[in-house]
């Protein structure tokens, strides 16, 4: 699937800033990954290093697990390239600033993989996703995330 640079340049800084602020308020020291093409961020809390990938979703607002419109959460398959590094995958809702998170070892299971034809928002073609039942995700309401 085609990488949309304009969308990335608009949303990536927002996602990183919101996630960084959330983690810092919870006692993490947060750092950008020096590898620009690697997982977005890492944090250190109580001598434990955690990796974080962040994505901003637009056009399907949610605030809680209950009002998330789908039974599964869709995670990009291209992030599977980092499956040997345990990381948290965080998706932030652009409209509400709610967030959801799931651990990579839960996401990248073959049973959740799905291929789909996409024709939306400048993207066209076949792509694959991992659709994880939302009960395996942690939902953070806007009041707690921002």
C-alpha atoms as a PDB file:
ATOM      1  CA  UNK A   1       0.000   0.000   0.000  1.00  0.00           C
ATOM      2  CA  UNK A   2       1.198   3.487  -0.847  1.00  0.00           C
ATOM      3  CA  UNK A   3       2.769   5.484   1.998  1.00  0.00           C
ATOM      4  CA  UNK A   4       1.064   8.894   2.298  1.00  0.00           C
ATOM      5  CA  UNK A   5       3.839  11.314   3.235  1.00  0.00           C
ATOM      6  CA  UNK A   6       1.495  14.300   3.671  1.00  0.00           C
ATOM      7  CA  UNK A   7      -0.705  12.414   6.129  1.00  0.00           C
ATOM      8  CA  UNK A   8       2.371  11.201   7.998  1.00  0.00           C
ATOM      9  CA  UNK A   9       3.842  14.713   8.248  1.00  0.00           C
ATOM     10  CA  UNK A  10       0.548  16.069   9.594  1.00  0.00           C
ATOM     11  CA  UNK A  11      -0.312  13.316  12.073  1.00  0.00           C
ATOM     12  CA  UNK A  12       2.981  11.822  13.251  1.00  0.00           C
ATOM     13  CA  UNK A  13       4.146  14.875  15.258  1.00  0.00           C
ATOM     14  CA  UNK A  14       0.705  15.159  16.890  1.00  0.00           C
ATOM     15  CA  UNK A  15       0.637  11.485  17.838  1.00  0.00           C
ATOM     16  CA  UNK A  16       4.161  11.565  19.240  1.00  0.00           C
ATOM     17  CA  UNK A  17       3.450  14.723  21.263  1.00  0.00           C
ATOM     18  CA  UNK A  18       0.215  13.394  22.759  1.00  0.00           C
ATOM     19  CA  UNK A  19       1.713  10.006  23.634  1.00  0.00           C
ATOM     20  CA  UNK A  20       4.854  11.619  25.078  1.00  0.00           C
ATOM     21  CA  UNK A  21       2.782  13.880  27.308  1.00  0.00           C
ATOM     22  CA  UNK A  22       0.634  10.939  28.468  1.00  0.00           C
ATOM     23  CA  UNK A  23       3.677   8.825  29.329  1.00  0.00           C
ATOM     24  CA  UNK A  24       5.553  11.660  31.058  1.00  0.00           C
ATOM     25  CA  UNK A  25       2.534  12.328  33.288  1.00  0.00           C
ATOM     26  CA  UNK A  26       2.812   8.670  34.320  1.00  0.00           C
ATOM     27  CA  UNK A  27       6.447   8.941  35.317  1.00  0.00           C
ATOM     28  CA  UNK A  28       8.164   7.786  32.121  1.00  0.00           C
ATOM     29  CA  UNK A  29      11.221   9.443  30.644  1.00  0.00           C
ATOM     30  CA  UNK A  30      10.448   9.509  26.910  1.00  0.00           C
ATOM     31  CA  UNK A  31      12.895   9.599  23.999  1.00  0.00           C
ATOM     32  CA  UNK A  32      12.556   9.564  20.214  1.00  0.00           C
ATOM     33  CA  UNK A  33      14.041   6.517  18.567  1.00  0.00           C
ATOM     34  CA  UNK A  34      17.340   7.589  16.965  1.00  0.00           C
ATOM     35  CA  UNK A  35      16.458   5.245  14.069  1.00  0.00           C
ATOM     36  CA  UNK A  36      14.044   7.437  12.115  1.00  0.00           C
ATOM     37  CA  UNK A  37      12.589   4.356  10.386  1.00  0.00           C
ATOM     38  CA  UNK A  38      12.227   2.287  13.529  1.00  0.00           C
ATOM     39  CA  UNK A  39       9.610   2.176  16.257  1.00  0.00           C
ATOM     40  CA  UNK A  40       8.633   5.765  17.122  1.00  0.00           C
ATOM     41  CA  UNK A  41       9.561   6.200  20.786  1.00  0.00           C
ATOM     42  CA  UNK A  42      10.925   4.480  23.811  1.00  0.00           C
ATOM     43  CA  UNK A  43      10.380   5.256  27.443  1.00  0.00           C
ATOM     44  CA  UNK A  44      12.125   4.324  30.632  1.00  0.00           C
ATOM     45  CA  UNK A  45      10.284   3.900  33.899  1.00  0.00           C
ATOM     46  CA  UNK A  46      11.696   2.193  36.974  1.00  0.00           C
ATOM     47  CA  UNK A  47      14.703   1.012  34.931  1.00  0.00           C
ATOM     48  CA  UNK A  48      12.460  -0.734  32.397  1.00  0.00           C
ATOM     49  CA  UNK A  49      12.663   0.238  28.712  1.00  0.00           C
ATOM     50  CA  UNK A  50       9.401   0.168  26.751  1.00  0.00           C
ATOM     51  CA  UNK A  51       8.959   0.748  23.011  1.00  0.00           C
ATOM     52  CA  UNK A  52       5.977   2.687  21.575  1.00  0.00           C
ATOM     53  CA  UNK A  53       4.576   2.944  18.055  1.00  0.00           C
ATOM     54  CA  UNK A  54       1.936   5.636  17.608  1.00  0.00           C
ATOM     55  CA  UNK A  55      -0.668   6.202  14.915  1.00  0.00           C
ATOM     56  CA  UNK A  56      -3.440   8.802  14.577  1.00  0.00           C
ATOM     57  CA  UNK A  57      -6.803   7.666  13.148  1.00  0.00           C
ATOM     58  CA  UNK A  58      -9.144  10.114  11.434  1.00  0.00           C
ATOM     59  CA  UNK A  59     -12.802   9.867  10.502  1.00  0.00           C
ATOM     60  CA  UNK A  60     -14.243   7.307  12.925  1.00  0.00           C
ATOM     61  CA  UNK A  61     -14.360   8.965  16.341  1.00  0.00           C
ATOM     62  CA  UNK A  62     -14.546   7.044  19.595  1.00  0.00           C
ATOM     63  CA  UNK A  63     -14.085   7.818  23.282  1.00  0.00           C
ATOM     64  CA  UNK A  64     -14.448   4.412  24.968  1.00  0.00           C
ATOM     65  CA  UNK A  65     -14.434   0.712  24.121  1.00  0.00           C
ATOM     66  CA  UNK A  66     -18.234   0.805  24.224  1.00  0.00           C
ATOM     67  CA  UNK A  67     -18.579   3.473  21.531  1.00  0.00           C
ATOM     68  CA  UNK A  68     -15.755   2.116  19.352  1.00  0.00           C
ATOM     69  CA  UNK A  69     -17.842   1.114  16.308  1.00  0.00           C
ATOM     70  CA  UNK A  70     -16.173  -2.160  15.454  1.00  0.00           C
ATOM     71  CA  UNK A  71     -15.691  -5.491  17.237  1.00  0.00           C
ATOM     72  CA  UNK A  72     -12.009  -5.475  16.262  1.00  0.00           C
ATOM     73  CA  UNK A  73      -9.204  -2.916  16.120  1.00  0.00           C
ATOM     74  CA  UNK A  74      -7.227  -2.732  12.881  1.00  0.00           C
ATOM     75  CA  UNK A  75      -3.438  -2.547  13.153  1.00  0.00           C
ATOM     76  CA  UNK A  76      -1.163  -1.980  10.155  1.00  0.00           C
ATOM     77  CA  UNK A  77       0.631  -5.117   9.006  1.00  0.00           C
ATOM     78  CA  UNK A  78       3.718  -3.188   7.942  1.00  0.00           C
ATOM     79  CA  UNK A  79       4.546  -2.754  11.650  1.00  0.00           C
ATOM     80  CA  UNK A  80       5.005  -6.532  11.905  1.00  0.00           C
ATOM     81  CA  UNK A  81       8.571  -5.992  10.731  1.00  0.00           C
ATOM     82  CA  UNK A  82       9.370  -5.115  14.368  1.00  0.00           C
ATOM     83  CA  UNK A  83       7.701  -8.174  15.896  1.00  0.00           C
ATOM     84  CA  UNK A  84      11.010  -9.327  17.386  1.00  0.00           C
ATOM     85  CA  UNK A  85      10.955  -6.207  19.574  1.00  0.00           C
ATOM     86  CA  UNK A  86       8.112  -6.150  22.087  1.00  0.00           C
ATOM     87  CA  UNK A  87       6.319  -2.829  21.775  1.00  0.00           C
ATOM     88  CA  UNK A  88       3.078  -1.061  22.561  1.00  0.00           C
ATOM     89  CA  UNK A  89       1.070   0.033  19.526  1.00  0.00           C
ATOM     90  CA  UNK A  90      -0.957   3.146  20.396  1.00  0.00           C
ATOM     91  CA  UNK A  91      -3.756   4.515  18.211  1.00  0.00           C
ATOM     92  CA  UNK A  92      -5.066   8.011  18.968  1.00  0.00           C
ATOM     93  CA  UNK A  93      -8.418   9.300  17.737  1.00  0.00           C
ATOM     94  CA  UNK A  94      -7.848  12.624  15.986  1.00  0.00           C
ATOM     95  CA  UNK A  95     -11.318  13.948  16.752  1.00  0.00           C
ATOM     96  CA  UNK A  96     -11.682  13.052  20.449  1.00  0.00           C
ATOM     97  CA  UNK A  97      -8.080  12.483  21.616  1.00  0.00           C
ATOM     98  CA  UNK A  98      -9.058   9.118  23.065  1.00  0.00           C
ATOM     99  CA  UNK A  99      -6.438   6.409  22.708  1.00  0.00           C
ATOM    100  CA  UNK A 100      -6.187   2.668  22.613  1.00  0.00           C
ATOM    101  CA  UNK A 101      -3.160   0.451  23.072  1.00  0.00           C
ATOM    102  CA  UNK A 102      -2.270  -3.144  22.445  1.00  0.00           C
ATOM    103  CA  UNK A 103       0.947  -5.093  22.923  1.00  0.00           C
ATOM    104  CA  UNK A 104       2.667  -6.335  19.770  1.00  0.00           C
ATOM    105  CA  UNK A 105       2.764  -9.979  20.872  1.00  0.00           C
ATOM    106  CA  UNK A 106      -1.040  -9.934  20.984  1.00  0.00           C
ATOM    107  CA  UNK A 107      -1.479  -8.148  17.644  1.00  0.00           C
ATOM    108  CA  UNK A 108       0.697 -10.059  15.203  1.00  0.00           C
ATOM    109  CA  UNK A 109      -0.962 -13.455  15.274  1.00  0.00           C
ATOM    110  CA  UNK A 110      -1.865 -15.137  12.005  1.00  0.00           C
ATOM    111  CA  UNK A 111      -5.443 -15.687  13.212  1.00  0.00           C
ATOM    112  CA  UNK A 112      -5.958 -11.888  13.202  1.00  0.00           C
ATOM    113  CA  UNK A 113      -4.424 -11.229   9.774  1.00  0.00           C
ATOM    114  CA  UNK A 114      -6.762 -10.072   7.009  1.00  0.00           C
ATOM    115  CA  UNK A 115      -6.259  -8.795   3.469  1.00  0.00           C
ATOM    116  CA  UNK A 116      -8.530  -6.123   2.119  1.00  0.00           C
ATOM    117  CA  UNK A 117      -8.865  -3.871  -0.932  1.00  0.00           C
ATOM    118  CA  UNK A 118      -8.652  -0.205   0.100  1.00  0.00           C
ATOM    119  CA  UNK A 119      -9.954   2.753  -1.917  1.00  0.00           C
ATOM    120  CA  UNK A 120     -10.086   5.725   0.413  1.00  0.00           C
ATOM    121  CA  UNK A 121      -8.185   8.860   1.354  1.00  0.00           C
ATOM    122  CA  UNK A 122      -5.636   8.675  -1.452  1.00  0.00           C
ATOM    123  CA  UNK A 123      -4.917   5.019  -0.770  1.00  0.00           C
ATOM    124  CA  UNK A 124      -5.831   2.385  -3.323  1.00  0.00           C
ATOM    125  CA  UNK A 125      -4.910  -1.269  -3.515  1.00  0.00           C
ATOM    126  CA  UNK A 126      -4.625  -4.461  -1.532  1.00  0.00           C
ATOM    127  CA  UNK A 127      -3.317  -4.193   2.007  1.00  0.00           C
ATOM    128  CA  UNK A 128      -3.164  -6.469   5.003  1.00  0.00           C
ATOM    129  CA  UNK A 129      -4.094  -5.724   8.597  1.00  0.00           C
ATOM    130  CA  UNK A 130      -4.279  -7.428  11.914  1.00  0.00           C
ATOM    131  CA  UNK A 131      -7.788  -7.191  13.317  1.00  0.00           C
ATOM    132  CA  UNK A 132      -7.594  -7.777  17.061  1.00  0.00           C
ATOM    133  CA  UNK A 133     -10.740  -8.182  19.166  1.00  0.00           C
ATOM    134  CA  UNK A 134     -11.140  -4.905  20.999  1.00  0.00           C
ATOM    135  CA  UNK A 135     -11.374  -6.703  24.356  1.00  0.00           C
ATOM    136  CA  UNK A 136      -7.598  -7.286  24.087  1.00  0.00           C
ATOM    137  CA  UNK A 137      -6.904  -3.555  23.827  1.00  0.00           C
ATOM    138  CA  UNK A 138      -6.598  -0.947  26.543  1.00  0.00           C
ATOM    139  CA  UNK A 139      -8.874   2.025  25.895  1.00  0.00           C
ATOM    140  CA  UNK A 140      -7.942   5.379  27.429  1.00  0.00           C
ATOM    141  CA  UNK A 141     -10.664   8.026  27.525  1.00  0.00           C
ATOM    142  CA  UNK A 142      -9.787  11.594  26.494  1.00  0.00           C
ATOM    143  CA  UNK A 143     -10.032  12.850  30.090  1.00  0.00           C
ATOM    144  CA  UNK A 144      -7.300  10.404  31.073  1.00  0.00           C
ATOM    145  CA  UNK A 145      -5.201  10.653  27.931  1.00  0.00           C
ATOM    146  CA  UNK A 146      -4.874  14.410  27.396  1.00  0.00           C
END
